Amino acid sequence: MKETEIADIMLNQRLTAVEARLLEVEKRLNFPNQPPQ
């Protein structure tokens, strides 16, 4: 694998993690009365 390919994979993994966190925050904002799971 080339260095650029590895960098792409690492970036994708980071983006996936950020998106998952954003989804969690959006859920909390949309349903503030629900207790955290």
PDB file of N, CA and C in Angstrom:
ATOM      1  N   MET A   1       0.834  -1.211   0.000  1.00  0.00           N
ATOM      2  CA  MET A   1       0.000   0.000   0.000  1.00  0.00           C
ATOM      3  C   MET A   1       0.866   1.257   0.000  1.00  0.00           C
ATOM      4  N   LYS A   2       0.407   2.246  -0.715  1.00  0.00           N
ATOM      5  CA  LYS A   2       1.132   3.519  -0.747  1.00  0.00           C
ATOM      6  C   LYS A   2       0.809   4.331   0.498  1.00  0.00           C
ATOM      7  N   GLU A   3       1.688   5.273   0.797  1.00  0.00           N
ATOM      8  CA  GLU A   3       1.444   6.134   1.962  1.00  0.00           C
ATOM      9  C   GLU A   3       0.144   6.914   1.807  1.00  0.00           C
ATOM     10  N   THR A   4      -0.133   7.341   0.587  1.00  0.00           N
ATOM     11  CA  THR A   4      -1.368   8.114   0.380  1.00  0.00           C
ATOM     12  C   THR A   4      -2.598   7.261   0.654  1.00  0.00           C
ATOM     13  N   GLU A   5      -2.533   5.987   0.297  1.00  0.00           N
ATOM     14  CA  GLU A   5      -3.671   5.098   0.546  1.00  0.00           C
ATOM     15  C   GLU A   5      -3.882   4.917   2.044  1.00  0.00           C
ATOM     16  N   ILE A   6      -2.783   4.748   2.770  1.00  0.00           N
ATOM     17  CA  ILE A   6      -2.876   4.588   4.224  1.00  0.00           C
ATOM     18  C   ILE A   6      -3.451   5.854   4.845  1.00  0.00           C
ATOM     19  N   ALA A   7      -2.995   7.011   4.372  1.00  0.00           N
ATOM     20  CA  ALA A   7      -3.503   8.284   4.892  1.00  0.00           C
ATOM     21  C   ALA A   7      -4.999   8.404   4.626  1.00  0.00           C
ATOM     22  N   ASP A   8      -5.437   7.974   3.447  1.00  0.00           N
ATOM     23  CA  ASP A   8      -6.859   8.025   3.107  1.00  0.00           C
ATOM     24  C   ASP A   8      -7.678   7.159   4.058  1.00  0.00           C
ATOM     25  N   ILE A   9      -7.185   5.966   4.330  1.00  0.00           N
ATOM     26  CA  ILE A   9      -7.905   5.050   5.216  1.00  0.00           C
ATOM     27  C   ILE A   9      -7.997   5.643   6.625  1.00  0.00           C
ATOM     28  N   MET A  10      -6.890   6.192   7.102  1.00  0.00           N
ATOM     29  CA  MET A  10      -6.891   6.787   8.442  1.00  0.00           C
ATOM     30  C   MET A  10      -7.859   7.961   8.513  1.00  0.00           C
ATOM     31  N   LEU A  11      -7.872   8.777   7.457  1.00  0.00           N
ATOM     32  CA  LEU A  11      -8.776   9.924   7.422  1.00  0.00           C
ATOM     33  C   LEU A  11     -10.225   9.459   7.416  1.00  0.00           C
ATOM     34  N   ASN A  12     -10.500   8.427   6.639  1.00  0.00           N
ATOM     35  CA  ASN A  12     -11.858   7.889   6.580  1.00  0.00           C
ATOM     36  C   ASN A  12     -12.313   7.379   7.938  1.00  0.00           C
ATOM     37  N   GLN A  13     -11.413   6.695   8.654  1.00  0.00           N
ATOM     38  CA  GLN A  13     -11.766   6.179   9.977  1.00  0.00           C
ATOM     39  C   GLN A  13     -12.077   7.328  10.928  1.00  0.00           C
ATOM     40  N   ARG A  14     -11.278   8.405  10.840  1.00  0.00           N
ATOM     41  CA  ARG A  14     -11.516   9.560  11.701  1.00  0.00           C
ATOM     42  C   ARG A  14     -12.845  10.214  11.380  1.00  0.00           C
ATOM     43  N   LEU A  15     -13.144  10.344  10.084  1.00  0.00           N
ATOM     44  CA  LEU A  15     -14.413  10.954   9.669  1.00  0.00           C
ATOM     45  C   LEU A  15     -15.587  10.118  10.161  1.00  0.00           C
ATOM     46  N   THR A  16     -15.458   8.805  10.076  1.00  0.00           N
ATOM     47  CA  THR A  16     -16.528   7.928  10.543  1.00  0.00           C
ATOM     48  C   THR A  16     -16.781   8.135  12.032  1.00  0.00           C
ATOM     49  N   ALA A  17     -15.710   8.263  12.802  1.00  0.00           N
ATOM     50  CA  ALA A  17     -15.843   8.480  14.240  1.00  0.00           C
ATOM     51  C   ALA A  17     -16.511   9.822  14.521  1.00  0.00           C
ATOM     52  N   VAL A  18     -16.110  10.838  13.777  1.00  0.00           N
ATOM     53  CA  VAL A  18     -16.705  12.170  13.970  1.00  0.00           C
ATOM     54  C   VAL A  18     -18.189  12.143  13.615  1.00  0.00           C
ATOM     55  N   GLU A  19     -18.538  11.469  12.534  1.00  0.00           N
ATOM     56  CA  GLU A  19     -19.939  11.387  12.132  1.00  0.00           C
ATOM     57  C   GLU A  19     -20.770  10.669  13.194  1.00  0.00           C
ATOM     58  N   ALA A  20     -20.221   9.621  13.769  1.00  0.00           N
ATOM     59  CA  ALA A  20     -20.941   8.887  14.807  1.00  0.00           C
ATOM     60  C   ALA A  20     -21.192   9.786  16.014  1.00  0.00           C
ATOM     61  N   ARG A  21     -20.182  10.588  16.383  1.00  0.00           N
ATOM     62  CA  ARG A  21     -20.348  11.513  17.503  1.00  0.00           C
ATOM     63  C   ARG A  21     -21.393  12.568  17.196  1.00  0.00           C
ATOM     64  N   LEU A  22     -21.374  13.082  15.959  1.00  0.00           N
ATOM     65  CA  LEU A  22     -22.370  14.084  15.562  1.00  0.00           C
ATOM     66  C   LEU A  22     -23.779  13.506  15.655  1.00  0.00           C
ATOM     67  N   LEU A  23     -23.945  12.256  15.242  1.00  0.00           N
ATOM     68  CA  LEU A  23     -25.254  11.616  15.322  1.00  0.00           C
ATOM     69  C   LEU A  23     -25.726  11.548  16.772  1.00  0.00           C
ATOM     70  N   GLU A  24     -24.823  11.201  17.673  1.00  0.00           N
ATOM     71  CA  GLU A  24     -25.172  11.137  19.097  1.00  0.00           C
ATOM     72  C   GLU A  24     -25.634  12.496  19.598  1.00  0.00           C
ATOM     73  N   VAL A  25     -24.901  13.543  19.237  1.00  0.00           N
ATOM     74  CA  VAL A  25     -25.253  14.900  19.675  1.00  0.00           C
ATOM     75  C   VAL A  25     -26.608  15.300  19.106  1.00  0.00           C
ATOM     76  N   GLU A  26     -26.835  15.000  17.831  1.00  0.00           N
ATOM     77  CA  GLU A  26     -28.113  15.346  17.211  1.00  0.00           C
ATOM     78  C   GLU A  26     -29.266  14.625  17.893  1.00  0.00           C
ATOM     79  N   LYS A  27     -29.062  13.372  18.249  1.00  0.00           N
ATOM     80  CA  LYS A  27     -30.113  12.619  18.943  1.00  0.00           C
ATOM     81  C   LYS A  27     -30.448  13.296  20.267  1.00  0.00           C
ATOM     82  N   ARG A  28     -29.400  13.718  20.999  1.00  0.00           N
ATOM     83  CA  ARG A  28     -29.626  14.373  22.289  1.00  0.00           C
ATOM     84  C   ARG A  28     -30.366  15.692  22.109  1.00  0.00           C
ATOM     85  N   LEU A  29     -30.023  16.428  21.053  1.00  0.00           N
ATOM     86  CA  LEU A  29     -30.692  17.711  20.813  1.00  0.00           C
ATOM     87  C   LEU A  29     -32.148  17.496  20.412  1.00  0.00           C
ATOM     88  N   ASN A  30     -32.405  16.462  19.638  1.00  0.00           N
ATOM     89  CA  ASN A  30     -33.767  16.202  19.174  1.00  0.00           C
ATOM     90  C   ASN A  30     -34.651  15.637  20.279  1.00  0.00           C
ATOM     91  N   PHE A  31     -34.065  14.877  21.187  1.00  0.00           N
ATOM     92  CA  PHE A  31     -34.839  14.258  22.261  1.00  0.00           C
ATOM     93  C   PHE A  31     -34.189  14.554  23.613  1.00  0.00           C
ATOM     94  N   PRO A  32     -34.261  15.806  24.062  1.00  0.00           N
ATOM     95  CA  PRO A  32     -33.552  16.187  25.291  1.00  0.00           C
ATOM     96  C   PRO A  32     -34.136  15.550  26.552  1.00  0.00           C
ATOM     97  N   ASN A  33     -35.393  15.085  26.478  1.00  0.00           N
ATOM     98  CA  ASN A  33     -36.034  14.546  27.678  1.00  0.00           C
ATOM     99  C   ASN A  33     -35.721  13.076  27.914  1.00  0.00           C
ATOM    100  N   GLN A  34     -35.117  12.434  26.928  1.00  0.00           N
ATOM    101  CA  GLN A  34     -34.809  11.015  27.090  1.00  0.00           C
ATOM    102  C   GLN A  34     -33.507  10.841  27.859  1.00  0.00           C
ATOM    103  N   PRO A  35     -33.482   9.912  28.813  1.00  0.00           N
ATOM    104  CA  PRO A  35     -32.227   9.642  29.532  1.00  0.00           C
ATOM    105  C   PRO A  35     -31.195   9.031  28.597  1.00  0.00           C
ATOM    106  N   PRO A  36     -29.922   9.328  28.823  1.00  0.00           N
ATOM    107  CA  PRO A  36     -28.873   8.742  27.977  1.00  0.00           C
ATOM    108  C   PRO A  36     -28.840   7.236  28.126  1.00  0.00           C
ATOM    109  N   GLN A  37     -28.547   6.540  27.047  1.00  0.00           N
ATOM    110  CA  GLN A  37     -28.535   5.077  27.093  1.00  0.00           C
ATOM    111  C   GLN A  37     -27.144   4.560  27.341  1.00  0.00           C
TER     112      GLN A  37
END
